[in-house]
Amino acid sequence: MAISKHPITGVPVNEITVKRKWLTEEDAITIHLMRLQGATYTDIVHHMGTNANRVGEVLRGEIWPNAAEKARAILGGDLFTRH
């Protein structure tokens, strides 16, 4: 994959391939899984293609409050993912 550069400064920049304005329950479970697996808050925000406020709402349980429990169950082998 070619590295993109800012057209004026030539500074390397990351491609944004996914942008989410809202998060599904599956997105929320994924966020919790990533956190449980040691991903940083900032990396989760970037990987999910959303803003820090949305990720914070998920991690605090303000939206999709059962997502954390489902993520722990997946890591514990109690549930199987659909993929």
Protein backbone atom coordinates (compact mmCIF):
# COMPACT_ATOMS: atom_id res chain seq x y z
CA MET A 1 0.00 0.00 0.00
CA ALA A 2 1.40 3.36 -0.97
CA ILE A 3 1.88 5.98 1.73
CA SER A 4 -0.18 9.11 1.19
CA LYS A 5 1.40 12.51 1.64
CA HIS A 6 -0.10 15.91 2.21
CA PRO A 7 -0.12 17.63 -1.19
CA ILE A 8 1.57 20.81 0.02
CA THR A 9 3.92 19.75 2.81
CA GLY A 10 4.66 16.19 1.74
CA VAL A 11 4.15 14.96 5.32
CA PRO A 12 3.02 11.30 5.42
CA VAL A 13 -0.64 10.99 6.44
CA ASN A 14 -2.90 8.03 7.19
CA GLU A 15 -5.67 7.09 4.80
CA ILE A 16 -9.18 7.27 6.24
CA THR A 17 -11.05 4.31 4.80
CA VAL A 18 -13.93 3.94 7.26
CA LYS A 19 -16.05 6.77 8.69
CA ARG A 20 -18.83 6.05 11.17
CA LYS A 21 -21.29 8.68 12.39
CA TRP A 22 -23.04 6.19 14.67
CA LEU A 23 -22.16 2.82 16.15
CA THR A 24 -24.04 -0.45 15.93
CA GLU A 25 -24.11 -3.01 18.73
CA GLU A 26 -21.54 -5.07 16.81
CA ASP A 27 -19.31 -1.97 16.60
CA ALA A 28 -19.69 -1.48 20.36
CA ILE A 29 -18.77 -5.10 21.08
CA THR A 30 -15.73 -4.71 18.83
CA ILE A 31 -14.68 -1.58 20.75
CA HIS A 32 -14.86 -3.47 24.03
CA LEU A 33 -12.98 -6.43 22.56
CA MET A 34 -10.22 -4.15 21.33
CA ARG A 35 -9.95 -2.48 24.74
CA LEU A 36 -9.87 -5.82 26.55
CA GLN A 37 -7.12 -6.94 24.18
CA GLY A 38 -5.01 -3.91 25.13
CA ALA A 39 -5.69 -1.42 22.33
CA THR A 40 -5.26 2.21 23.33
CA TYR A 41 -8.25 4.54 23.36
CA THR A 42 -6.72 6.56 20.53
CA ASP A 43 -6.06 3.48 18.40
CA ILE A 44 -9.65 2.31 18.89
CA VAL A 45 -10.94 5.69 17.73
CA HIS A 46 -8.76 5.56 14.63
CA HIS A 47 -9.47 1.93 13.80
CA MET A 48 -13.22 2.38 14.19
CA GLY A 49 -13.32 5.53 12.07
CA THR A 50 -15.36 7.51 14.55
CA ASN A 51 -14.74 10.26 17.07
CA ALA A 52 -13.56 9.96 20.65
CA ASN A 53 -16.96 10.94 22.05
CA ARG A 54 -18.67 7.94 20.41
CA VAL A 55 -16.03 5.53 21.73
CA GLY A 56 -16.33 7.08 25.19
CA GLU A 57 -20.11 6.63 25.17
CA VAL A 58 -19.61 2.94 24.41
CA LEU A 59 -16.88 2.35 26.99
CA ARG A 60 -18.89 4.15 29.70
CA GLY A 61 -21.98 2.08 28.84
CA GLU A 62 -24.05 5.11 27.83
CA ILE A 63 -24.93 3.41 24.55
CA TRP A 64 -25.09 -0.35 24.00
CA PRO A 65 -24.78 -1.04 27.75
CA ASN A 66 -24.64 -4.83 27.28
CA ALA A 67 -21.74 -4.69 24.82
CA ALA A 68 -19.03 -5.01 27.50
CA GLU A 69 -20.61 -8.16 28.91
CA LYS A 70 -20.96 -9.65 25.43
CA ALA A 71 -17.31 -8.86 24.64
CA ARG A 72 -16.15 -10.55 27.85
CA ALA A 73 -18.28 -13.59 27.02
CA ILE A 74 -16.74 -13.79 23.54
CA LEU A 75 -13.23 -13.68 24.97
CA GLY A 76 -14.23 -16.25 27.57
CA GLY A 77 -15.47 -18.58 24.85
CA ASP A 78 -19.13 -18.42 25.91
CA LEU A 79 -20.34 -16.93 22.64
CA PHE A 80 -19.31 -17.35 19.07
CA THR A 81 -19.04 -14.44 16.67
CA ARG A 82 -21.15 -14.38 13.53
CA HIS A 83 -18.12 -14.12 11.27
